[in-house]
Amino acid sequence: MRESSENYLETIFLLEKSLITVRSIDIVHATGFSKPSISVAMKKLKSGGFIEINSHGEIILTETGRSQAKEIFERHTILVQALTIVGISKEIAEIDACKIEHIIHKETFQKIKNFVEKHEE
C-alpha cells in the first residue's frame, strides 16, 4: 500500500474517534488537500476494499481497512514514544514518525515496540 493511502486510512480512523460520521469534506479539512484529490483517493481505497461509501456519503472502514488503519496508528504511536524516550522533542517525533511508519520493516518495528514496552515498566 502506498504511503498516501495509509495516511488516508489513518486519518479516517482518527476522525471516527471524534465524529459521528466521516465524509470526504472532513478528510479535506483534516489533511488540507483538495476535494478532488480526496475524491480520487477515496475511490482508490474503495476499489481496494478498504472503505465503503454509503448513500449518504459516509465513509466507513471495512474490516480490512480498519485492521490496516489500526496497524498504521500503532506504528505511529509506538514510534513517537520511542523517539521521545531517546530525547527527541514531541513535535519532531510526530513529524519523523509520520515518515518512518510507512517504510519500517516489521522486525525493526517489533524490536522498537518491545523497547518501548520495557521502558514503560
N, C-alpha and C. Protein backbone atom coordinates (compact mmCIF):
# COMPACT_ATOMS: atom_id res chain seq x y z
N MET A 1 0.84 -1.18 0.00
CA MET A 1 0.00 0.00 0.00
C MET A 1 0.88 1.24 0.00
N ARG A 2 0.47 2.23 -0.72
CA ARG A 2 1.23 3.47 -0.82
C ARG A 2 1.09 4.30 0.44
N GLU A 3 2.09 5.13 0.68
CA GLU A 3 2.11 5.98 1.86
C GLU A 3 0.88 6.86 1.94
N SER A 4 0.47 7.45 0.83
CA SER A 4 -0.68 8.35 0.85
C SER A 4 -1.95 7.59 1.24
N SER A 5 -2.12 6.38 0.74
CA SER A 5 -3.29 5.58 1.10
C SER A 5 -3.28 5.25 2.59
N GLU A 6 -2.12 4.92 3.11
CA GLU A 6 -2.00 4.64 4.54
C GLU A 6 -2.35 5.88 5.35
N ASN A 7 -1.91 7.04 4.90
CA ASN A 7 -2.23 8.28 5.61
C ASN A 7 -3.73 8.54 5.62
N TYR A 8 -4.40 8.28 4.50
CA TYR A 8 -5.84 8.48 4.44
C TYR A 8 -6.56 7.52 5.37
N LEU A 9 -6.15 6.26 5.40
CA LEU A 9 -6.77 5.29 6.30
C LEU A 9 -6.60 5.72 7.76
N GLU A 10 -5.40 6.16 8.10
CA GLU A 10 -5.14 6.62 9.46
C GLU A 10 -6.00 7.84 9.78
N THR A 11 -6.14 8.75 8.84
CA THR A 11 -6.96 9.95 9.04
C THR A 11 -8.42 9.57 9.28
N ILE A 12 -8.95 8.66 8.46
CA ILE A 12 -10.34 8.21 8.64
C ILE A 12 -10.49 7.57 10.02
N PHE A 13 -9.56 6.71 10.39
CA PHE A 13 -9.58 6.04 11.68
C PHE A 13 -9.62 7.05 12.82
N LEU A 14 -8.79 8.07 12.75
CA LEU A 14 -8.75 9.09 13.80
C LEU A 14 -10.00 9.96 13.80
N LEU A 15 -10.51 10.29 12.61
CA LEU A 15 -11.73 11.10 12.53
C LEU A 15 -12.92 10.36 13.12
N GLU A 16 -12.97 9.04 12.95
CA GLU A 16 -14.05 8.24 13.52
C GLU A 16 -14.12 8.38 15.03
N LYS A 17 -13.00 8.63 15.66
CA LYS A 17 -12.96 8.76 17.12
C LYS A 17 -13.60 10.06 17.61
N SER A 18 -13.64 11.07 16.74
CA SER A 18 -14.16 12.37 17.17
C SER A 18 -15.46 12.79 16.47
N LEU A 19 -15.81 12.13 15.39
CA LEU A 19 -17.02 12.49 14.65
C LEU A 19 -18.01 11.33 14.65
N ILE A 20 -19.27 11.65 14.53
CA ILE A 20 -20.29 10.61 14.44
C ILE A 20 -20.15 9.88 13.11
N THR A 21 -19.99 10.65 12.04
CA THR A 21 -19.77 10.07 10.71
C THR A 21 -18.61 10.81 10.05
N VAL A 22 -17.96 10.11 9.12
CA VAL A 22 -16.84 10.71 8.39
C VAL A 22 -17.27 10.86 6.93
N ARG A 23 -17.07 12.07 6.40
CA ARG A 23 -17.35 12.35 4.99
C ARG A 23 -16.08 12.90 4.35
N SER A 24 -16.09 12.95 3.05
CA SER A 24 -14.93 13.46 2.32
C SER A 24 -14.51 14.85 2.78
N ILE A 25 -15.47 15.70 3.05
CA ILE A 25 -15.16 17.07 3.46
C ILE A 25 -14.39 17.08 4.79
N ASP A 26 -14.67 16.11 5.66
CA ASP A 26 -13.94 16.02 6.93
C ASP A 26 -12.47 15.70 6.67
N ILE A 27 -12.23 14.84 5.68
CA ILE A 27 -10.87 14.47 5.32
C ILE A 27 -10.16 15.66 4.66
N VAL A 28 -10.90 16.43 3.87
CA VAL A 28 -10.36 17.66 3.27
C VAL A 28 -9.87 18.59 4.38
N HIS A 29 -10.72 18.81 5.38
CA HIS A 29 -10.36 19.71 6.48
C HIS A 29 -9.19 19.17 7.30
N ALA A 30 -9.16 17.86 7.51
CA ALA A 30 -8.11 17.26 8.33
C ALA A 30 -6.75 17.26 7.63
N THR A 31 -6.76 17.10 6.31
CA THR A 31 -5.49 16.96 5.58
C THR A 31 -5.06 18.23 4.87
N GLY A 32 -6.02 19.08 4.52
CA GLY A 32 -5.69 20.27 3.75
C GLY A 32 -5.60 20.03 2.25
N PHE A 33 -5.89 18.80 1.83
CA PHE A 33 -5.88 18.50 0.40
C PHE A 33 -7.21 18.90 -0.23
N SER A 34 -7.22 19.05 -1.54
CA SER A 34 -8.43 19.49 -2.23
C SER A 34 -9.49 18.38 -2.27
N LYS A 35 -10.73 18.79 -2.41
CA LYS A 35 -11.84 17.83 -2.50
C LYS A 35 -11.63 16.87 -3.67
N PRO A 36 -11.22 17.35 -4.86
CA PRO A 36 -10.98 16.40 -5.96
C PRO A 36 -9.89 15.37 -5.63
N SER A 37 -8.83 15.78 -4.95
CA SER A 37 -7.77 14.85 -4.57
C SER A 37 -8.29 13.79 -3.60
N ILE A 38 -9.10 14.24 -2.65
CA ILE A 38 -9.68 13.30 -1.67
C ILE A 38 -10.64 12.35 -2.37
N SER A 39 -11.40 12.88 -3.31
CA SER A 39 -12.35 12.04 -4.05
C SER A 39 -11.64 10.92 -4.80
N VAL A 40 -10.54 11.24 -5.45
CA VAL A 40 -9.74 10.24 -6.17
C VAL A 40 -9.19 9.21 -5.19
N ALA A 41 -8.67 9.68 -4.08
CA ALA A 41 -8.09 8.78 -3.08
C ALA A 41 -9.16 7.85 -2.50
N MET A 42 -10.36 8.37 -2.24
CA MET A 42 -11.43 7.55 -1.68
C MET A 42 -11.88 6.48 -2.68
N LYS A 43 -11.89 6.83 -3.97
CA LYS A 43 -12.24 5.84 -5.00
C LYS A 43 -11.22 4.70 -5.00
N LYS A 44 -9.95 5.04 -4.84
CA LYS A 44 -8.90 4.01 -4.80
C LYS A 44 -9.04 3.13 -3.57
N LEU A 45 -9.31 3.75 -2.43
CA LEU A 45 -9.49 2.98 -1.20
C LEU A 45 -10.72 2.09 -1.28
N LYS A 46 -11.76 2.60 -1.92
CA LYS A 46 -12.99 1.81 -2.08
C LYS A 46 -12.73 0.63 -3.01
N SER A 47 -12.08 0.87 -4.13
CA SER A 47 -11.81 -0.22 -5.07
C SER A 47 -10.84 -1.24 -4.48
N GLY A 48 -10.01 -0.82 -3.53
CA GLY A 48 -9.09 -1.73 -2.86
C GLY A 48 -9.74 -2.51 -1.72
N GLY A 49 -11.00 -2.18 -1.42
CA GLY A 49 -11.71 -2.89 -0.36
C GLY A 49 -11.42 -2.38 1.03
N PHE A 50 -10.87 -1.17 1.14
CA PHE A 50 -10.52 -0.62 2.45
C PHE A 50 -11.62 0.22 3.07
N ILE A 51 -12.49 0.79 2.23
CA ILE A 51 -13.61 1.60 2.73
C ILE A 51 -14.86 1.28 1.93
N GLU A 52 -15.98 1.67 2.52
CA GLU A 52 -17.26 1.68 1.83
C GLU A 52 -17.80 3.10 1.94
N ILE A 53 -18.56 3.51 0.95
CA ILE A 53 -19.20 4.82 0.99
C ILE A 53 -20.68 4.59 0.80
N ASN A 54 -21.47 4.94 1.82
CA ASN A 54 -22.90 4.67 1.73
C ASN A 54 -23.63 5.76 0.94
N SER A 55 -24.93 5.60 0.82
CA SER A 55 -25.74 6.52 0.00
C SER A 55 -25.77 7.93 0.57
N HIS A 56 -25.39 8.11 1.82
CA HIS A 56 -25.34 9.45 2.44
C HIS A 56 -23.96 10.07 2.33
N GLY A 57 -23.04 9.38 1.66
CA GLY A 57 -21.68 9.90 1.51
C GLY A 57 -20.79 9.65 2.71
N GLU A 58 -21.26 8.80 3.61
CA GLU A 58 -20.47 8.48 4.81
C GLU A 58 -19.42 7.43 4.46
N ILE A 59 -18.21 7.67 4.93
CA ILE A 59 -17.08 6.78 4.66
C ILE A 59 -16.91 5.85 5.86
N ILE A 60 -16.93 4.56 5.57
CA ILE A 60 -16.84 3.55 6.63
C ILE A 60 -15.68 2.62 6.31
N LEU A 61 -14.81 2.43 7.28
CA LEU A 61 -13.71 1.49 7.09
C LEU A 61 -14.26 0.07 7.05
N THR A 62 -13.79 -0.72 6.10
CA THR A 62 -14.13 -2.14 6.08
C THR A 62 -13.29 -2.83 7.16
N GLU A 63 -13.52 -4.10 7.35
CA GLU A 63 -12.71 -4.85 8.32
C GLU A 63 -11.23 -4.78 7.94
N THR A 64 -10.95 -4.94 6.65
CA THR A 64 -9.58 -4.86 6.15
C THR A 64 -9.02 -3.46 6.36
N GLY A 65 -9.80 -2.44 6.03
CA GLY A 65 -9.37 -1.06 6.19
C GLY A 65 -9.10 -0.70 7.64
N ARG A 66 -9.99 -1.16 8.52
CA ARG A 66 -9.83 -0.87 9.95
C ARG A 66 -8.58 -1.56 10.49
N SER A 67 -8.36 -2.79 10.09
CA SER A 67 -7.17 -3.52 10.52
C SER A 67 -5.90 -2.80 10.08
N GLN A 68 -5.87 -2.39 8.82
CA GLN A 68 -4.72 -1.67 8.28
C GLN A 68 -4.52 -0.34 9.01
N ALA A 69 -5.62 0.38 9.23
CA ALA A 69 -5.55 1.69 9.91
C ALA A 69 -5.03 1.53 11.34
N LYS A 70 -5.47 0.49 12.04
CA LYS A 70 -5.00 0.25 13.41
C LYS A 70 -3.50 -0.04 13.43
N GLU A 71 -3.03 -0.82 12.46
CA GLU A 71 -1.60 -1.11 12.36
C GLU A 71 -0.79 0.17 12.14
N ILE A 72 -1.26 1.00 11.23
CA ILE A 72 -0.57 2.26 10.92
C ILE A 72 -0.54 3.15 12.16
N PHE A 73 -1.69 3.27 12.82
CA PHE A 73 -1.78 4.11 14.02
C PHE A 73 -0.88 3.58 15.13
N GLU A 74 -0.83 2.26 15.29
CA GLU A 74 0.04 1.67 16.30
C GLU A 74 1.51 1.98 15.99
N ARG A 75 1.90 1.81 14.72
CA ARG A 75 3.28 2.12 14.35
C ARG A 75 3.60 3.57 14.68
N HIS A 76 2.70 4.45 14.31
CA HIS A 76 2.90 5.88 14.57
C HIS A 76 3.07 6.15 16.07
N THR A 77 2.15 5.63 16.85
CA THR A 77 2.16 5.87 18.29
C THR A 77 3.43 5.34 18.95
N ILE A 78 3.79 4.11 18.62
CA ILE A 78 4.98 3.49 19.20
C ILE A 78 6.23 4.24 18.78
N LEU A 79 6.30 4.63 17.51
CA LEU A 79 7.48 5.36 17.03
C LEU A 79 7.62 6.71 17.72
N VAL A 80 6.52 7.41 17.93
CA VAL A 80 6.58 8.68 18.64
C VAL A 80 7.09 8.45 20.06
N GLN A 81 6.59 7.42 20.71
CA GLN A 81 7.04 7.11 22.07
C GLN A 81 8.54 6.81 22.09
N ALA A 82 8.98 5.96 21.15
CA ALA A 82 10.40 5.59 21.11
C ALA A 82 11.28 6.81 20.89
N LEU A 83 10.89 7.65 19.97
CA LEU A 83 11.69 8.83 19.66
C LEU A 83 11.75 9.80 20.84
N THR A 84 10.63 9.94 21.55
CA THR A 84 10.65 10.84 22.70
C THR A 84 11.46 10.24 23.85
N ILE A 85 11.44 8.92 23.99
CA ILE A 85 12.24 8.25 25.03
C ILE A 85 13.72 8.56 24.85
N VAL A 86 14.18 8.60 23.59
CA VAL A 86 15.60 8.85 23.34
C VAL A 86 15.94 10.33 23.28
N GLY A 87 14.95 11.19 23.58
CA GLY A 87 15.23 12.61 23.73
C GLY A 87 14.79 13.52 22.60
N ILE A 88 14.08 13.00 21.63
CA ILE A 88 13.57 13.84 20.54
C ILE A 88 12.34 14.58 21.04
N SER A 89 12.19 15.84 20.66
CA SER A 89 11.01 16.60 21.07
C SER A 89 9.76 15.97 20.47
N LYS A 90 8.64 16.15 21.15
CA LYS A 90 7.35 15.59 20.70
C LYS A 90 7.02 16.06 19.28
N GLU A 91 7.28 17.32 18.98
CA GLU A 91 6.96 17.88 17.67
C GLU A 91 7.76 17.18 16.56
N ILE A 92 9.04 17.04 16.77
CA ILE A 92 9.89 16.40 15.76
C ILE A 92 9.58 14.90 15.71
N ALA A 93 9.32 14.29 16.86
CA ALA A 93 8.97 12.87 16.89
C ALA A 93 7.72 12.59 16.06
N GLU A 94 6.74 13.46 16.14
CA GLU A 94 5.50 13.31 15.35
C GLU A 94 5.81 13.37 13.85
N ILE A 95 6.62 14.33 13.46
CA ILE A 95 6.98 14.51 12.05
C ILE A 95 7.75 13.29 11.54
N ASP A 96 8.75 12.88 12.30
CA ASP A 96 9.56 11.75 11.87
C ASP A 96 8.77 10.44 11.87
N ALA A 97 7.92 10.24 12.87
CA ALA A 97 7.11 9.02 12.93
C ALA A 97 6.20 8.90 11.72
N CYS A 98 5.67 10.03 11.25
CA CYS A 98 4.80 10.03 10.05
C CYS A 98 5.55 9.51 8.82
N LYS A 99 6.83 9.76 8.78
CA LYS A 99 7.63 9.30 7.64
C LYS A 99 8.06 7.84 7.83
N ILE A 100 8.54 7.53 9.03
CA ILE A 100 9.09 6.21 9.31
C ILE A 100 8.01 5.12 9.28
N GLU A 101 6.81 5.43 9.75
CA GLU A 101 5.76 4.43 9.89
C GLU A 101 5.42 3.71 8.59
N HIS A 102 5.74 4.31 7.47
CA HIS A 102 5.39 3.72 6.17
C HIS A 102 6.49 2.83 5.59
N ILE A 103 7.70 2.96 6.11
CA ILE A 103 8.81 2.24 5.49
C ILE A 103 9.50 1.25 6.43
N ILE A 104 9.13 1.28 7.69
CA ILE A 104 9.82 0.45 8.68
C ILE A 104 9.52 -1.04 8.46
N HIS A 105 10.52 -1.85 8.59
CA HIS A 105 10.38 -3.30 8.46
C HIS A 105 9.66 -3.83 9.70
N LYS A 106 8.86 -4.88 9.54
CA LYS A 106 8.09 -5.44 10.65
C LYS A 106 9.00 -5.86 11.81
N GLU A 107 10.13 -6.47 11.49
CA GLU A 107 11.05 -6.92 12.53
C GLU A 107 11.62 -5.73 13.31
N THR A 108 11.99 -4.69 12.60
CA THR A 108 12.51 -3.49 13.25
C THR A 108 11.45 -2.88 14.15
N PHE A 109 10.22 -2.77 13.62
CA PHE A 109 9.14 -2.20 14.42
C PHE A 109 8.90 -3.02 15.68
N GLN A 110 8.91 -4.35 15.56
CA GLN A 110 8.66 -5.20 16.72
C GLN A 110 9.72 -4.99 17.80
N LYS A 111 10.98 -4.83 17.39
CA LYS A 111 12.06 -4.58 18.35
C LYS A 111 11.86 -3.22 19.05
N ILE A 112 11.47 -2.22 18.27
CA ILE A 112 11.21 -0.89 18.85
C ILE A 112 10.03 -0.97 19.80
N LYS A 113 9.00 -1.69 19.41
CA LYS A 113 7.82 -1.84 20.27
C LYS A 113 8.21 -2.52 21.58
N ASN A 114 9.01 -3.58 21.50
CA ASN A 114 9.48 -4.26 22.71
C ASN A 114 10.27 -3.31 23.61
N PHE A 115 11.12 -2.48 23.00
CA PHE A 115 11.91 -1.49 23.74
C PHE A 115 10.99 -0.51 24.47
N VAL A 116 9.99 -0.01 23.77
CA VAL A 116 9.06 0.96 24.37
C VAL A 116 8.30 0.31 25.53
N GLU A 117 7.83 -0.92 25.32
CA GLU A 117 7.08 -1.60 26.36
C GLU A 117 7.94 -1.86 27.59
N LYS A 118 9.21 -2.21 27.41
CA LYS A 118 10.11 -2.42 28.55
C LYS A 118 10.39 -1.10 29.27
N HIS A 119 10.48 -0.05 28.49
CA HIS A 119 10.76 1.28 29.08
C HIS A 119 9.58 1.75 29.93
N GLU A 120 8.36 1.35 29.59
CA GLU A 120 7.17 1.77 30.33
C GLU A 120 7.03 1.04 31.66
N GLU A 121 7.68 -0.10 31.83
CA GLU A 121 7.53 -0.90 33.05
C GLU A 121 8.17 -0.26 34.25
